[in-house]
PDB file of N, CA and C in Angstrom:
ATOM      1  N   MET A   1       0.159  40.544   6.309  1.00  0.00           N
ATOM      2  CA  MET A   1       0.870  40.409   4.998  1.00  0.00           C
ATOM      3  C   MET A   1       2.186  40.405   5.801  1.00  0.00           C
ATOM      4  N   GLY A   2       3.024  39.855   5.651  1.00  0.00           N
ATOM      5  CA  GLY A   2       4.126  39.611   6.502  1.00  0.00           C
ATOM      6  C   GLY A   2       5.852  39.660   5.274  1.00  0.00           C
ATOM      7  N   LEU A   3       7.101  39.658   6.056  1.00  0.00           N
ATOM      8  CA  LEU A   3       8.066  39.268   5.366  1.00  0.00           C
ATOM      9  C   LEU A   3       8.071  38.584   3.844  1.00  0.00           C
ATOM     10  N   GLY A   4       7.701  37.596   4.108  1.00  0.00           N
ATOM     11  CA  GLY A   4       7.293  36.282   2.989  1.00  0.00           C
ATOM     12  C   GLY A   4       6.461  36.955   1.923  1.00  0.00           C
ATOM     13  N   ALA A   5       5.506  37.669   2.312  1.00  0.00           N
ATOM     14  CA  ALA A   5       4.953  38.322   1.141  1.00  0.00           C
ATOM     15  C   ALA A   5       5.662  39.553   0.281  1.00  0.00           C
ATOM     16  N   ILE A   6       6.329  40.167   1.067  1.00  0.00           N
ATOM     17  CA  ILE A   6       7.380  41.315   0.794  1.00  0.00           C
ATOM     18  C   ILE A   6       8.140  40.306  -0.215  1.00  0.00           C
ATOM     19  N   HIS A   7       8.789  39.618  -0.076  1.00  0.00           N
ATOM     20  CA  HIS A   7       9.630  38.912  -0.091  1.00  0.00           C
ATOM     21  C   HIS A   7       9.292  38.316  -2.249  1.00  0.00           C
ATOM     22  N   SER A   8       7.586  37.968  -2.030  1.00  0.00           N
ATOM     23  CA  SER A   8       7.148  37.567  -2.748  1.00  0.00           C
ATOM     24  C   SER A   8       6.737  38.831  -3.987  1.00  0.00           C
ATOM     25  N   TRP A   9       6.335  39.553  -3.587  1.00  0.00           N
ATOM     26  CA  TRP A   9       5.809  40.694  -4.125  1.00  0.00           C
ATOM     27  C   TRP A   9       7.428  41.700  -4.728  1.00  0.00           C
ATOM     28  N   CYS A  10       8.624  41.234  -4.057  1.00  0.00           N
ATOM     29  CA  CYS A  10       9.655  41.567  -5.029  1.00  0.00           C
ATOM     30  C   CYS A  10      10.575  40.946  -5.846  1.00  0.00           C
ATOM     31  N   ASP A  11      10.309  39.742  -5.588  1.00  0.00           N
ATOM     32  CA  ASP A  11      10.696  38.670  -6.625  1.00  0.00           C
ATOM     33  C   ASP A  11       9.583  38.950  -8.100  1.00  0.00           C
ATOM     34  N   GLU A  12       8.539  39.361  -7.588  1.00  0.00           N
ATOM     35  CA  GLU A  12       7.461  39.766  -9.043  1.00  0.00           C
ATOM     36  C   GLU A  12       7.762  40.042 -10.138  1.00  0.00           C
ATOM     37  N   VAL A  13       8.325  41.739  -9.102  1.00  0.00           N
ATOM     38  CA  VAL A  13       8.321  42.708  -9.869  1.00  0.00           C
ATOM     39  C   VAL A  13       9.643  43.092 -10.661  1.00  0.00           C
ATOM     40  N   ALA A  14      10.555  41.874 -10.083  1.00  0.00           N
ATOM     41  CA  ALA A  14      12.110  41.908 -10.443  1.00  0.00           C
ATOM     42  C   ALA A  14      11.689  41.155 -12.037  1.00  0.00           C
ATOM     43  N   ALA A  15      10.485  39.980 -11.939  1.00  0.00           N
ATOM     44  CA  ALA A  15      10.871  38.874 -12.959  1.00  0.00           C
ATOM     45  C   ALA A  15       9.715  39.595 -13.915  1.00  0.00           C
ATOM     46  N   ALA A  16       8.601  40.854 -13.781  1.00  0.00           N
ATOM     47  CA  ALA A  16       7.524  41.238 -14.549  1.00  0.00           C
ATOM     48  C   ALA A  16       8.495  42.602 -15.511  1.00  0.00           C
ATOM     49  N   PHE A  17       8.903  42.877 -14.835  1.00  0.00           N
ATOM     50  CA  PHE A  17      10.007  44.411 -15.517  1.00  0.00           C
ATOM     51  C   PHE A  17      11.664  44.525 -15.484  1.00  0.00           C
ATOM     52  N   THR A  18      11.990  45.008 -16.826  1.00  0.00           N
ATOM     53  CA  THR A  18      13.593  45.231 -16.525  1.00  0.00           C
ATOM     54  C   THR A  18      13.638  46.468 -16.691  1.00  0.00           C
ATOM     55  N   PHE A  19      14.308  46.921 -15.315  1.00  0.00           N
ATOM     56  CA  PHE A  19      14.723  48.380 -15.070  1.00  0.00           C
ATOM     57  C   PHE A  19      16.098  48.529 -14.893  1.00  0.00           C
ATOM     58  N   THR A  20      16.011  49.691 -14.890  1.00  0.00           N
ATOM     59  CA  THR A  20      18.022  50.571 -13.729  1.00  0.00           C
ATOM     60  C   THR A  20      17.457  51.169 -12.400  1.00  0.00           C
ATOM     61  N   ARG A  21      18.125  51.308 -11.787  1.00  0.00           N
ATOM     62  CA  ARG A  21      18.210  52.279 -11.143  1.00  0.00           C
ATOM     63  C   ARG A  21      19.591  52.938 -11.095  1.00  0.00           C
ATOM     64  N   THR A  22      19.139  54.260 -10.448  1.00  0.00           N
ATOM     65  CA  THR A  22      20.270  55.129 -10.599  1.00  0.00           C
ATOM     66  C   THR A  22      20.535  56.303  -9.284  1.00  0.00           C
ATOM     67  N   ILE A  23      21.069  55.931  -8.560  1.00  0.00           N
ATOM     68  CA  ILE A  23      21.061  56.950  -7.696  1.00  0.00           C
ATOM     69  C   ILE A  23      21.752  58.314  -8.111  1.00  0.00           C
ATOM     70  N   GLY A  24      21.021  59.352  -7.205  1.00  0.00           N
ATOM     71  CA  GLY A  24      21.260  60.647  -7.196  1.00  0.00           C
ATOM     72  C   GLY A  24      22.132  61.297  -5.879  1.00  0.00           C
ATOM     73  N   ASP A  25      21.276  62.058  -5.318  1.00  0.00           N
ATOM     74  CA  ASP A  25      21.772  63.200  -4.227  1.00  0.00           C
ATOM     75  C   ASP A  25      21.251  61.963  -3.152  1.00  0.00           C
ATOM     76  N   VAL A  26      22.441  62.365  -2.009  1.00  0.00           N
ATOM     77  CA  VAL A  26      21.902  61.170  -0.640  1.00  0.00           C
ATOM     78  C   VAL A  26      22.072  62.777   0.134  1.00  0.00           C
ATOM     79  N   THR A  27      21.200  62.744   1.118  1.00  0.00           N
ATOM     80  CA  THR A  27      21.218  64.226   2.247  1.00  0.00           C
ATOM     81  C   THR A  27      21.684  63.075   3.289  1.00  0.00           C
ATOM     82  N   LEU A  28      22.534  63.318   4.362  1.00  0.00           N
ATOM     83  CA  LEU A  28      22.320  62.778   5.661  1.00  0.00           C
ATOM     84  C   LEU A  28      21.856  63.386   6.408  1.00  0.00           C
ATOM     85  N   PHE A  29      21.560  63.054   7.505  1.00  0.00           N
ATOM     86  CA  PHE A  29      21.087  63.796   8.807  1.00  0.00           C
ATOM     87  C   PHE A  29      21.464  63.069   9.974  1.00  0.00           C
ATOM     88  N   ASP A  30      21.106  63.068  11.879  1.00  0.00           N
ATOM     89  CA  ASP A  30      21.939  62.623  12.592  1.00  0.00           C
ATOM     90  C   ASP A  30      21.203  61.126  12.588  1.00  0.00           C
ATOM     91  N   ALA A  31      19.973  61.012  12.672  1.00  0.00           N
ATOM     92  CA  ALA A  31      18.904  59.156  12.314  1.00  0.00           C
ATOM     93  C   ALA A  31      18.826  59.063  10.700  1.00  0.00           C
ATOM     94  N   ALA A  32      18.725  59.843   9.781  1.00  0.00           N
ATOM     95  CA  ALA A  32      18.121  59.895   8.860  1.00  0.00           C
ATOM     96  C   ALA A  32      18.744  59.909   7.512  1.00  0.00           C
ATOM     97  N   ALA A  33      18.630  58.900   6.509  1.00  0.00           N
ATOM     98  CA  ALA A  33      19.168  59.362   5.554  1.00  0.00           C
ATOM     99  C   ALA A  33      17.929  59.681   4.312  1.00  0.00           C
ATOM    100  N   ILE A  34      18.128  60.568   3.078  1.00  0.00           N
ATOM    101  CA  ILE A  34      17.458  60.743   1.877  1.00  0.00           C
ATOM    102  C   ILE A  34      18.011  60.686   0.899  1.00  0.00           C
ATOM    103  N   VAL A  35      17.299  59.356  -0.097  1.00  0.00           N
ATOM    104  CA  VAL A  35      18.477  59.226  -1.049  1.00  0.00           C
ATOM    105  C   VAL A  35      17.422  59.366  -2.361  1.00  0.00           C
ATOM    106  N   GLN A  36      17.682  59.917  -3.171  1.00  0.00           N
ATOM    107  CA  GLN A  36      16.642  59.994  -4.856  1.00  0.00           C
ATOM    108  C   GLN A  36      17.759  58.855  -5.770  1.00  0.00           C
ATOM    109  N   VAL A  37      16.215  58.465  -6.148  1.00  0.00           N
ATOM    110  CA  VAL A  37      17.089  57.158  -6.922  1.00  0.00           C
ATOM    111  C   VAL A  37      16.045  57.402  -8.305  1.00  0.00           C
ATOM    112  N   ARG A  38      16.284  57.565  -9.016  1.00  0.00           N
ATOM    113  CA  ARG A  38      15.716  57.775 -10.662  1.00  0.00           C
ATOM    114  C   ARG A  38      15.333  55.980 -11.035  1.00  0.00           C
ATOM    115  N   LEU A  39      14.281  55.740 -11.386  1.00  0.00           N
ATOM    116  CA  LEU A  39      14.374  54.071 -12.257  1.00  0.00           C
ATOM    117  C   LEU A  39      13.274  54.223 -13.450  1.00  0.00           C
ATOM    118  N   GLU A  40      14.009  53.714 -14.532  1.00  0.00           N
ATOM    119  CA  GLU A  40      13.933  53.774 -15.421  1.00  0.00           C
ATOM    120  C   GLU A  40      13.727  52.298 -16.559  1.00  0.00           C
ATOM    121  N   GLY A  41      12.805  51.845 -17.049  1.00  0.00           N
ATOM    122  CA  GLY A  41      12.431  50.562 -17.471  1.00  0.00           C
ATOM    123  C   GLY A  41      11.034  50.499 -18.434  1.00  0.00           C
ATOM    124  N   ASN A  42      10.957  49.227 -18.608  1.00  0.00           N
ATOM    125  CA  ASN A  42      10.077  48.995 -19.368  1.00  0.00           C
ATOM    126  C   ASN A  42       8.508  48.746 -18.221  1.00  0.00           C
ATOM    127  N   PHE A  43       8.282  49.302 -17.613  1.00  0.00           N
ATOM    128  CA  PHE A  43       6.909  49.737 -16.849  1.00  0.00           C
ATOM    129  C   PHE A  43       5.888  50.728 -16.995  1.00  0.00           C
ATOM    130  N   PRO A  44       5.008  50.908 -16.760  1.00  0.00           N
ATOM    131  CA  PRO A  44       3.805  51.837 -16.487  1.00  0.00           C
ATOM    132  C   PRO A  44       4.637  52.784 -15.734  1.00  0.00           C
ATOM    133  N   GLY A  45       4.931  53.813 -16.454  1.00  0.00           N
ATOM    134  CA  GLY A  45       4.895  55.627 -15.904  1.00  0.00           C
ATOM    135  C   GLY A  45       6.170  55.659 -16.345  1.00  0.00           C
ATOM    136  N   SER A  46       7.604  54.806 -16.398  1.00  0.00           N
ATOM    137  CA  SER A  46       8.762  54.954 -15.968  1.00  0.00           C
ATOM    138  C   SER A  46       8.868  56.497 -17.133  1.00  0.00           C
ATOM    139  N   PRO A  47      10.196  57.205 -16.618  1.00  0.00           N
ATOM    140  CA  PRO A  47      11.036  57.011 -15.816  1.00  0.00           C
ATOM    141  C   PRO A  47      10.242  57.133 -14.696  1.00  0.00           C
ATOM    142  N   VAL A  48      10.122  57.343 -13.325  1.00  0.00           N
ATOM    143  CA  VAL A  48      10.131  57.762 -12.040  1.00  0.00           C
ATOM    144  C   VAL A  48      10.949  58.056 -11.518  1.00  0.00           C
ATOM    145  N   GLU A  49      10.907  59.223 -10.077  1.00  0.00           N
ATOM    146  CA  GLU A  49      12.365  59.510  -9.371  1.00  0.00           C
ATOM    147  C   GLU A  49      11.286  59.111  -8.297  1.00  0.00           C
ATOM    148  N   LEU A  50      12.308  59.034  -7.457  1.00  0.00           N
ATOM    149  CA  LEU A  50      11.883  58.581  -6.142  1.00  0.00           C
ATOM    150  C   LEU A  50      12.901  59.089  -5.150  1.00  0.00           C
ATOM    151  N   HIS A  51      11.868  59.114  -3.957  1.00  0.00           N
ATOM    152  CA  HIS A  51      13.246  59.587  -2.821  1.00  0.00           C
ATOM    153  C   HIS A  51      12.711  58.474  -1.787  1.00  0.00           C
ATOM    154  N   HIS A  52      13.994  58.002  -1.340  1.00  0.00           N
ATOM    155  CA  HIS A  52      14.198  56.877   0.044  1.00  0.00           C
ATOM    156  C   HIS A  52      13.952  57.531   0.930  1.00  0.00           C
ATOM    157  N   HIS A  53      13.337  57.995   2.063  1.00  0.00           N
ATOM    158  CA  HIS A  53      13.451  58.284   3.759  1.00  0.00           C
ATOM    159  C   HIS A  53      13.953  57.434   4.329  1.00  0.00           C
ATOM    160  N   PHE A  54      14.969  57.137   4.333  1.00  0.00           N
ATOM    161  CA  PHE A  54      15.541  55.569   5.708  1.00  0.00           C
ATOM    162  C   PHE A  54      15.611  56.478   6.928  1.00  0.00           C
ATOM    163  N   SER A  55      14.849  55.341   8.124  1.00  0.00           N
ATOM    164  CA  SER A  55      15.075  55.987   9.549  1.00  0.00           C
ATOM    165  C   SER A  55      16.237  54.787   9.818  1.00  0.00           C
ATOM    166  N   LEU A  56      17.044  55.526  10.876  1.00  0.00           N
ATOM    167  CA  LEU A  56      18.526  55.132  11.238  1.00  0.00           C
ATOM    168  C   LEU A  56      18.560  54.785  13.072  1.00  0.00           C
ATOM    169  N   THR A  57      19.068  53.645  13.070  1.00  0.00           N
ATOM    170  CA  THR A  57      19.641  53.593  14.449  1.00  0.00           C
ATOM    171  C   THR A  57      20.968  53.389  14.255  1.00  0.00           C
ATOM    172  N   GLY A  58      21.671  54.128  14.942  1.00  0.00           N
ATOM    173  CA  GLY A  58      23.505  53.359  14.873  1.00  0.00           C
ATOM    174  C   GLY A  58      23.272  53.334  13.660  1.00  0.00           C
ATOM    175  N   ASN A  59      23.959  52.109  12.805  1.00  0.00           N
ATOM    176  CA  ASN A  59      24.534  51.437  11.480  1.00  0.00           C
ATOM    177  C   ASN A  59      23.036  50.734  10.818  1.00  0.00           C
ATOM    178  N   ASN A  60      21.736  50.822  11.626  1.00  0.00           N
ATOM    179  CA  ASN A  60      21.091  50.359  11.172  1.00  0.00           C
ATOM    180  C   ASN A  60      19.591  51.000  10.902  1.00  0.00           C
ATOM    181  N   ILE A  61      18.852  50.650   9.872  1.00  0.00           N
ATOM    182  CA  ILE A  61      17.895  50.908   9.223  1.00  0.00           C
ATOM    183  C   ILE A  61      16.681  50.405   9.839  1.00  0.00           C
ATOM    184  N   THR A  62      15.583  51.728  10.205  1.00  0.00           N
ATOM    185  CA  THR A  62      15.263  50.568  11.523  1.00  0.00           C
ATOM    186  C   THR A  62      13.267  51.633  10.046  1.00  0.00           C
ATOM    187  N   ALA A  63      13.540  52.334   9.526  1.00  0.00           N
ATOM    188  CA  ALA A  63      12.306  52.561   8.529  1.00  0.00           C
ATOM    189  C   ALA A  63      12.946  53.043   7.176  1.00  0.00           C
ATOM    190  N   LEU A  64      11.783  52.449   6.176  1.00  0.00           N
ATOM    191  CA  LEU A  64      12.052  52.995   5.086  1.00  0.00           C
ATOM    192  C   LEU A  64      10.950  53.250   4.423  1.00  0.00           C
ATOM    193  N   THR A  65      10.724  54.464   3.746  1.00  0.00           N
ATOM    194  CA  THR A  65       9.603  55.595   3.748  1.00  0.00           C
ATOM    195  C   THR A  65       9.860  55.678   2.225  1.00  0.00           C
ATOM    196  N   ILE A  66       8.997  55.280   0.990  1.00  0.00           N
ATOM    197  CA  ILE A  66       9.948  55.528  -0.677  1.00  0.00           C
ATOM    198  C   ILE A  66       8.146  56.841  -0.825  1.00  0.00           C
ATOM    199  N   CYS A  67       8.618  57.641  -1.912  1.00  0.00           N
ATOM    200  CA  CYS A  67       7.852  58.357  -1.704  1.00  0.00           C
ATOM    201  C   CYS A  67       8.163  59.046  -3.545  1.00  0.00           C
ATOM    202  N   PRO A  68       7.356  59.676  -4.271  1.00  0.00           N
ATOM    203  CA  PRO A  68       7.302  60.147  -5.243  1.00  0.00           C
ATOM    204  C   PRO A  68       8.200  61.374  -5.177  1.00  0.00           C
TER     205      PRO A  68
END
């Protein structure tokens, strides 16, 4: 699984479902940020609250973990 597979998966999800994303709380740390996101749409399990954990090096995102 490479970058191309990830792009394909994102395109498939975007075509299969209609959803909105609402950004909630954002918590910043020295080398990380946690962003609360609410997704609502016509997908199974909607709505869902997710936490995006960004690892940062300078102004660059070096990792992203998405947790329920």
